[in-house]
């Protein structure tokens, strides 16, 4: 399923943040049934979607590099790095399968990270019902991605100190706990039309 054509929606690499906070004109206009074709605005280009995904992709690659350095034995280090990389990729698809279908912008170009367009090819829309519930239920599945490399790296440092490992862990931590949250909250989440209903950003709008 491809996104609906909408000539009235200009394509922009850096669209203005969506005014989707509770009580805003956009939120009131959308109502409970989601946006109509005429209400979509600020659609995102492939470039904008790629920018939004760079920190997460970097995190999974850096995490794999940490495991390659800290795990003993050629077979085990490559296996652990490969499994972690697969976990990072599976985590993205988990979100697409179990959270994205409940977003009102499923299948449109307004999804800040582009997951919505991919998710539309995997599962049909659930009409925007239960987004907050699904978010709270399924996000914990991918949380270990942030901590596995740090735990494994810490064990590796106890077994034998390495400046290379320290450097990789620092870069991983900065990307995972500083860059990724900043990009999410100030670039992706700030432009998400459904941010007022998101448990992660809704409180910043005074919503749930």
Protein backbone atom coordinates (compact mmCIF):
# COMPACT_ATOMS: atom_id res chain seq x y z
CA UNK A 1 0.00 0.00 0.00
CA UNK A 2 1.44 3.34 -1.05
CA UNK A 3 0.68 6.70 0.61
CA UNK A 4 -2.33 8.51 -0.83
CA UNK A 5 -1.51 11.16 -3.36
CA UNK A 6 -2.22 14.62 -2.02
CA UNK A 7 -1.13 17.49 -4.28
CA UNK A 8 -2.14 20.01 -1.64
CA UNK A 9 0.55 18.73 0.73
CA UNK A 10 3.97 20.27 0.00
CA UNK A 11 6.93 17.98 0.44
CA UNK A 12 9.52 19.40 2.82
CA UNK A 13 12.78 18.12 4.23
CA UNK A 14 12.29 20.10 7.42
CA UNK A 15 8.55 20.68 7.96
CA UNK A 16 7.38 22.77 10.90
CA UNK A 17 6.44 20.88 14.07
CA UNK A 18 2.91 19.55 13.98
CA UNK A 19 0.52 21.46 16.23
CA UNK A 20 -1.05 18.32 17.69
CA UNK A 21 -1.15 19.21 21.37
CA UNK A 22 -4.43 18.68 23.15
CA UNK A 23 -6.85 21.49 22.44
CA UNK A 24 -5.03 22.80 19.39
CA UNK A 25 -6.98 23.55 16.17
CA UNK A 26 -5.30 20.64 14.39
CA UNK A 27 -6.12 18.17 17.15
CA UNK A 28 -9.71 19.39 17.29
CA UNK A 29 -10.08 19.21 13.52
CA UNK A 30 -8.76 15.64 13.35
CA UNK A 31 -11.19 14.34 15.95
CA UNK A 32 -11.37 10.65 16.76
CA UNK A 33 -11.43 9.40 13.19
CA UNK A 34 -7.98 10.63 12.16
CA UNK A 35 -6.95 13.05 9.42
CA UNK A 36 -8.59 13.34 6.04
CA UNK A 37 -6.54 13.77 2.90
CA UNK A 38 -7.16 17.51 2.98
CA UNK A 39 -5.83 17.81 6.52
CA UNK A 40 -2.44 16.22 5.93
CA UNK A 41 0.32 18.80 5.83
CA UNK A 42 4.08 18.96 6.09
CA UNK A 43 4.65 15.54 4.54
CA UNK A 44 8.19 14.26 4.97
CA UNK A 45 10.68 13.37 2.28
CA UNK A 46 12.93 10.33 2.24
CA UNK A 47 15.81 12.56 3.34
CA UNK A 48 13.96 13.68 6.46
CA UNK A 49 13.05 10.08 7.29
CA UNK A 50 16.67 8.99 6.91
CA UNK A 51 17.86 11.75 9.25
CA UNK A 52 15.38 10.61 11.87
CA UNK A 53 16.69 7.03 11.68
CA UNK A 54 20.45 7.71 11.68
CA UNK A 55 20.90 7.72 15.51
CA UNK A 56 19.11 4.38 15.95
CA UNK A 57 21.05 2.79 13.09
CA UNK A 58 24.29 4.16 14.56
CA UNK A 59 23.37 2.75 17.97
CA UNK A 60 22.91 -0.78 16.63
CA UNK A 61 26.14 -0.63 14.63
CA UNK A 62 28.11 0.76 17.57
CA UNK A 63 26.58 -1.83 19.90
CA UNK A 64 27.68 -4.58 17.54
CA UNK A 65 31.18 -3.10 17.46
CA UNK A 66 31.31 -3.12 21.27
CA UNK A 67 30.40 -6.81 21.29
CA UNK A 68 32.98 -7.58 18.64
CA UNK A 69 35.67 -6.11 20.87
CA UNK A 70 34.60 -7.37 24.30
CA UNK A 71 33.39 -10.92 23.63
CA UNK A 72 36.08 -13.60 23.72
CA UNK A 73 36.60 -16.04 20.86
CA UNK A 74 36.20 -15.30 17.17
CA UNK A 75 33.06 -17.39 16.78
CA UNK A 76 31.30 -16.00 19.84
CA UNK A 77 32.13 -12.37 19.18
CA UNK A 78 30.81 -12.51 15.64
CA UNK A 79 27.75 -14.45 16.75
CA UNK A 80 26.94 -11.98 19.53
CA UNK A 81 27.51 -8.98 17.27
CA UNK A 82 25.32 -10.50 14.57
CA UNK A 83 22.55 -11.37 17.01
CA UNK A 84 22.59 -7.87 18.47
CA UNK A 85 22.39 -6.35 15.00
CA UNK A 86 19.47 -8.65 14.19
CA UNK A 87 17.81 -7.66 17.48
CA UNK A 88 18.11 -3.98 16.56
CA UNK A 89 16.52 -4.61 13.16
CA UNK A 90 13.83 -6.82 14.68
CA UNK A 91 13.10 -4.09 17.22
CA UNK A 92 12.28 -1.66 14.44
CA UNK A 93 9.95 -4.17 12.79
CA UNK A 94 8.37 -4.96 16.16
CA UNK A 95 7.37 -1.29 16.43
CA UNK A 96 6.02 -1.35 12.88
CA UNK A 97 3.96 -4.48 13.54
CA UNK A 98 2.57 -3.80 16.99
CA UNK A 99 2.52 -0.01 17.45
CA UNK A 100 2.36 1.68 14.05
CA UNK A 101 -0.99 0.13 12.99
CA UNK A 102 -2.61 1.91 15.94
CA UNK A 103 -1.33 5.33 14.84
CA UNK A 104 -3.77 7.55 12.95
CA UNK A 105 -1.01 8.37 10.45
CA UNK A 106 -0.34 4.74 9.54
CA UNK A 107 0.35 4.54 5.82
CA UNK A 108 0.99 8.28 5.32
CA UNK A 109 4.07 10.42 4.72
CA UNK A 110 3.51 12.27 8.01
CA UNK A 111 5.21 9.60 10.12
CA UNK A 112 8.48 11.31 11.17
CA UNK A 113 10.60 8.17 10.92
CA UNK A 114 8.93 6.59 7.90
CA UNK A 115 7.82 3.50 9.83
CA UNK A 116 4.19 4.21 9.05
CA UNK A 117 4.63 3.66 5.30
CA UNK A 118 6.46 0.35 5.82
CA UNK A 119 3.98 -0.77 8.47
CA UNK A 120 1.12 -0.25 6.02
CA UNK A 121 2.63 -3.01 3.87
CA UNK A 122 2.82 -5.38 6.83
CA UNK A 123 -0.44 -4.88 8.74
CA UNK A 124 -3.70 -3.02 8.14
CA UNK A 125 -4.53 0.07 10.15
CA UNK A 126 -6.37 -0.26 13.45
CA UNK A 127 -7.97 3.18 12.89
CA UNK A 128 -5.86 4.93 15.52
CA UNK A 129 -7.45 3.13 18.48
CA UNK A 130 -5.30 2.15 21.45
CA UNK A 131 -2.06 3.84 20.38
CA UNK A 132 -0.97 4.81 23.90
CA UNK A 133 -1.81 1.33 25.23
CA UNK A 134 0.18 -0.40 22.49
CA UNK A 135 3.10 1.97 22.96
CA UNK A 136 3.35 1.22 26.69
CA UNK A 137 2.95 -2.50 26.10
CA UNK A 138 5.53 -3.00 23.35
CA UNK A 139 8.27 -0.41 23.82
CA UNK A 140 9.80 -2.44 26.71
CA UNK A 141 10.60 -5.17 24.15
CA UNK A 142 13.30 -3.00 22.57
CA UNK A 143 14.64 -1.29 25.72
CA UNK A 144 17.46 -3.89 26.22
CA UNK A 145 19.02 -2.66 22.96
CA UNK A 146 20.21 0.39 24.91
CA UNK A 147 21.87 -1.65 27.68
CA UNK A 148 23.24 -4.92 26.29
CA UNK A 149 26.46 -3.40 24.86
CA UNK A 150 27.15 -1.43 28.06
CA UNK A 151 26.68 -4.50 30.27
CA UNK A 152 28.77 -6.71 27.99
CA UNK A 153 31.39 -4.00 27.63
CA UNK A 154 31.58 -3.51 31.38
CA UNK A 155 32.18 -7.24 31.86
CA UNK A 156 34.82 -7.10 29.13
CA UNK A 157 36.64 -4.25 30.88
CA UNK A 158 36.71 -6.24 34.11
CA UNK A 159 38.33 -9.12 32.23
CA UNK A 160 40.89 -6.89 30.54
CA UNK A 161 41.13 -3.12 30.12
CA UNK A 162 41.06 -1.74 26.56
CA UNK A 163 41.04 1.88 25.44
CA UNK A 164 39.37 0.82 22.19
CA UNK A 165 36.52 -0.73 24.14
CA UNK A 166 36.25 2.32 26.41
CA UNK A 167 36.09 4.59 23.36
CA UNK A 168 33.41 2.50 21.66
CA UNK A 169 31.33 2.36 24.83
CA UNK A 170 31.55 6.14 25.27
CA UNK A 171 30.51 6.81 21.68
CA UNK A 172 27.69 4.27 22.03
CA UNK A 173 26.49 5.91 25.26
CA UNK A 174 26.56 9.41 23.78
CA UNK A 175 24.64 8.32 20.70
CA UNK A 176 22.12 6.19 22.64
CA UNK A 177 21.44 8.44 25.62
CA UNK A 178 22.13 11.93 24.23
CA UNK A 179 21.96 12.13 20.43
CA UNK A 180 19.08 9.71 19.86
CA UNK A 181 16.77 11.26 22.51
CA UNK A 182 17.58 14.77 21.27
CA UNK A 183 16.86 13.88 17.65
CA UNK A 184 13.68 12.09 18.71
CA UNK A 185 12.25 14.85 20.90
CA UNK A 186 13.40 17.89 18.90
CA UNK A 187 13.23 16.56 15.35
CA UNK A 188 11.04 13.45 15.04
CA UNK A 189 8.64 13.68 17.97
CA UNK A 190 8.34 17.45 17.58
CA UNK A 191 6.93 16.86 14.08
CA UNK A 192 4.74 13.89 14.95
CA UNK A 193 1.04 14.68 14.37
CA UNK A 194 0.04 12.23 17.12
CA UNK A 195 2.51 13.39 19.78
CA UNK A 196 -0.27 14.51 22.15
CA UNK A 197 -1.38 10.85 22.47
CA UNK A 198 2.12 9.42 22.86
CA UNK A 199 3.10 8.36 26.41
CA UNK A 200 6.65 9.54 25.68
CA UNK A 201 5.94 13.08 24.44
CA UNK A 202 2.27 13.68 25.35
CA UNK A 203 3.11 15.10 28.76
CA UNK A 204 5.15 17.84 27.10
CA UNK A 205 1.96 18.99 25.38
CA UNK A 206 -0.09 18.70 28.51
CA UNK A 207 -1.72 15.57 27.11
CA UNK A 208 -1.69 11.90 28.21
